[in-house]
């Protein structure tokens, strides 16, 4: 899509034009789903995140300042939505566990990581904090500064998490 067409669609989408929203969604939805899936580790949760992003697109586009290309900016917005979703799911799970009696079985969220993809398995076994940094840095191309802003951590924390995550991934992948 040309930059001029994208800008026209953005202006229309910010006013709530459904056709423009649909065009922009169609253009970026696969990449947004990939970000959401990697962070939530669930197709169903990734679809929920995408649905939330789609519902907020007019507001999201009104906040877009044009300093960055639209695709990477939308991926960072989707990452924020996905992280918020993961946190709320974790809180729900913790609440369910706290309220469960000895006789009740608390269902854990199912992981729908594709068995045929070794890297996805290795990623899914990382602690959330490590996996999030790996996904944002190595798979989505964010800088440590951007990751620090997005996750509200220090830049050196992002670097340290990436280092630990890569060490753990190497160890897991060598074992196979």
Protein backbone atom coordinates (compact mmCIF):
# COMPACT_ATOMS: atom_id res chain seq x y z
CA UNK A 1 0.00 0.00 0.00
CA UNK A 2 1.37 3.41 -0.89
CA UNK A 3 2.12 5.93 1.85
CA UNK A 4 -0.31 8.44 0.34
CA UNK A 5 -3.15 5.91 0.24
CA UNK A 6 -2.36 4.83 3.79
CA UNK A 7 -2.53 8.47 5.00
CA UNK A 8 -5.90 8.98 3.27
CA UNK A 9 -7.25 5.77 4.81
CA UNK A 10 -5.92 6.82 8.22
CA UNK A 11 -7.72 10.16 8.09
CA UNK A 12 -10.97 8.44 7.10
CA UNK A 13 -10.51 5.67 9.67
CA UNK A 14 -9.92 8.20 12.45
CA UNK A 15 -13.39 9.58 11.63
CA UNK A 16 -14.87 6.08 11.90
CA UNK A 17 -15.17 5.23 8.18
CA UNK A 18 -15.79 1.48 8.20
CA UNK A 19 -14.36 0.87 4.73
CA UNK A 20 -11.13 2.62 5.60
CA UNK A 21 -10.91 0.72 8.89
CA UNK A 22 -11.46 -2.55 7.05
CA UNK A 23 -8.76 -1.77 4.46
CA UNK A 24 -6.20 -0.91 7.13
CA UNK A 25 -7.20 -3.92 9.21
CA UNK A 26 -6.88 -6.23 6.19
CA UNK A 27 -3.47 -4.77 5.43
CA UNK A 28 -2.04 -5.27 8.93
CA UNK A 29 -4.10 -8.01 10.63
CA UNK A 30 -1.72 -10.92 9.92
CA UNK A 31 1.24 -9.13 11.49
CA UNK A 32 -0.89 -7.97 14.43
CA UNK A 33 -2.18 -11.49 15.00
CA UNK A 34 1.39 -12.82 14.99
CA UNK A 35 2.43 -10.34 17.70
CA UNK A 36 -0.64 -11.11 19.80
CA UNK A 37 -0.19 -14.86 19.37
CA UNK A 38 3.45 -14.84 20.39
CA UNK A 39 2.70 -12.83 23.51
CA UNK A 40 -0.47 -14.67 24.58
CA UNK A 41 0.54 -18.14 23.31
CA UNK A 42 -3.06 -18.80 22.37
CA UNK A 43 -4.95 -18.43 19.11
CA UNK A 44 -8.16 -17.68 20.98
CA UNK A 45 -6.50 -15.03 23.14
CA UNK A 46 -4.75 -13.54 20.10
CA UNK A 47 -8.13 -13.26 18.36
CA UNK A 48 -9.54 -11.56 21.48
CA UNK A 49 -6.66 -9.10 21.45
CA UNK A 50 -7.17 -8.40 17.75
CA UNK A 51 -10.88 -7.89 18.37
CA UNK A 52 -10.07 -5.36 21.11
CA UNK A 53 -7.61 -3.56 18.84
CA UNK A 54 -10.17 -3.51 16.00
CA UNK A 55 -12.81 -2.07 18.31
CA UNK A 56 -10.48 0.76 19.30
CA UNK A 57 -9.02 1.49 15.85
CA UNK A 58 -10.75 4.87 15.33
CA UNK A 59 -9.37 6.11 18.69
CA UNK A 60 -6.02 4.46 18.02
CA UNK A 61 -5.74 6.17 14.65
CA UNK A 62 -6.65 9.55 16.13
CA UNK A 63 -3.60 9.19 18.45
CA UNK A 64 -1.25 8.23 15.61
CA UNK A 65 1.16 11.12 15.02
CA UNK A 66 2.83 9.83 11.86
CA UNK A 67 6.39 9.98 13.20
CA UNK A 68 6.75 6.22 12.76
CA UNK A 69 5.54 3.99 9.96
CA UNK A 70 2.03 2.72 10.65
CA UNK A 71 2.85 -1.02 10.71
CA UNK A 72 5.44 -0.96 13.50
CA UNK A 73 3.33 1.51 15.48
CA UNK A 74 0.26 -0.73 15.21
CA UNK A 75 2.35 -3.72 16.31
CA UNK A 76 3.44 -1.81 19.43
CA UNK A 77 -0.20 -0.93 20.16
CA UNK A 78 -1.15 -4.58 19.70
CA UNK A 79 1.70 -5.64 21.99
CA UNK A 80 0.34 -3.33 24.69
CA UNK A 81 -3.15 -4.80 24.29
CA UNK A 82 -1.73 -8.34 24.39
CA UNK A 83 0.32 -7.66 27.52
CA UNK A 84 -2.74 -6.15 29.19
CA UNK A 85 -4.74 -9.24 28.19
CA UNK A 86 -2.08 -11.60 29.57
CA UNK A 87 -2.00 -9.69 32.85
CA UNK A 88 -5.78 -9.74 33.22
CA UNK A 89 -5.90 -13.48 32.40
CA UNK A 90 -3.22 -14.12 34.99
CA UNK A 91 -5.20 -12.13 37.59
CA UNK A 92 -8.35 -14.10 36.74
CA UNK A 93 -6.42 -17.35 37.07
CA UNK A 94 -4.93 -16.30 40.39
CA UNK A 95 -8.36 -15.30 41.66
CA UNK A 96 -9.83 -18.62 40.54
CA UNK A 97 -7.02 -20.49 42.29
CA UNK A 98 -7.49 -18.47 45.48
CA UNK A 99 -11.21 -19.22 45.54
CA UNK A 100 -10.95 -22.90 44.59
CA UNK A 101 -11.61 -25.52 47.24
CA UNK A 102 -9.55 -28.67 47.59
CA UNK A 103 -12.11 -30.61 45.56
CA UNK A 104 -12.27 -28.18 42.66
CA UNK A 105 -9.92 -28.42 39.75
CA UNK A 106 -8.85 -25.13 38.30
CA UNK A 107 -8.36 -25.27 34.57
CA UNK A 108 -5.18 -23.70 33.31
CA UNK A 109 -5.17 -21.80 30.04
CA UNK A 110 -4.47 -24.17 27.17
CA UNK A 111 -1.35 -23.60 25.17
CA UNK A 112 -2.02 -23.81 21.49
CA UNK A 113 1.60 -23.59 20.40
CA UNK A 114 2.03 -25.51 17.18
CA UNK A 115 3.82 -28.79 17.90
CA UNK A 116 5.67 -28.72 14.62
CA UNK A 117 7.52 -25.48 15.36
CA UNK A 118 10.45 -26.13 17.66
CA UNK A 119 11.25 -22.46 18.19
CA UNK A 120 7.68 -21.69 19.22
CA UNK A 121 7.90 -24.48 21.78
CA UNK A 122 11.14 -23.13 23.13
CA UNK A 123 9.73 -19.60 23.26
CA UNK A 124 6.67 -20.78 25.10
CA UNK A 125 8.77 -22.41 27.79
CA UNK A 126 10.44 -19.12 28.67
CA UNK A 127 9.16 -17.09 31.60
CA UNK A 128 6.78 -14.39 30.39
CA UNK A 129 9.16 -11.51 31.09
CA UNK A 130 11.92 -13.14 29.06
CA UNK A 131 9.64 -14.28 26.23
CA UNK A 132 8.13 -10.81 25.90
CA UNK A 133 11.52 -9.17 25.42
CA UNK A 134 12.65 -11.84 22.92
CA UNK A 135 9.45 -11.46 20.88
CA UNK A 136 9.64 -7.67 20.85
CA UNK A 137 13.39 -7.47 20.14
CA UNK A 138 14.24 -10.45 17.96
CA UNK A 139 10.94 -11.13 16.21
CA UNK A 140 9.40 -7.66 16.00
CA UNK A 141 12.57 -5.57 15.75
CA UNK A 142 12.00 -3.12 18.60
CA UNK A 143 15.00 -1.36 20.14
CA UNK A 144 15.79 -1.80 23.81
CA UNK A 145 14.71 1.80 24.36
CA UNK A 146 11.31 1.10 22.79
CA UNK A 147 10.93 -2.12 24.78
CA UNK A 148 11.80 -0.29 27.99
CA UNK A 149 9.12 2.32 27.27
CA UNK A 150 6.52 -0.26 26.30
CA UNK A 151 7.10 -2.49 29.33
CA UNK A 152 7.88 0.37 31.71
CA UNK A 153 11.28 -1.05 32.66
CA UNK A 154 14.85 0.20 32.43
CA UNK A 155 16.76 -0.28 29.19
CA UNK A 156 19.41 -2.38 30.96
CA UNK A 157 16.64 -4.63 32.30
CA UNK A 158 15.49 -5.24 28.73
CA UNK A 159 19.06 -6.05 27.69
CA UNK A 160 19.57 -8.41 30.64
CA UNK A 161 16.29 -10.22 29.98
CA UNK A 162 17.19 -10.66 26.32
CA UNK A 163 20.60 -12.07 27.26
CA UNK A 164 19.06 -14.57 29.71
CA UNK A 165 16.32 -15.52 27.25
CA UNK A 166 18.82 -16.17 24.45
CA UNK A 167 20.96 -18.31 26.77
CA UNK A 168 17.93 -20.40 27.75
CA UNK A 169 16.77 -20.72 24.13
CA UNK A 170 20.23 -21.87 23.03
CA UNK A 171 20.31 -24.48 25.78
CA UNK A 172 16.82 -25.76 24.87
CA UNK A 173 17.53 -25.87 21.15
CA UNK A 174 20.89 -27.65 21.61
CA UNK A 175 19.16 -30.35 23.67
CA UNK A 176 16.92 -31.26 20.73
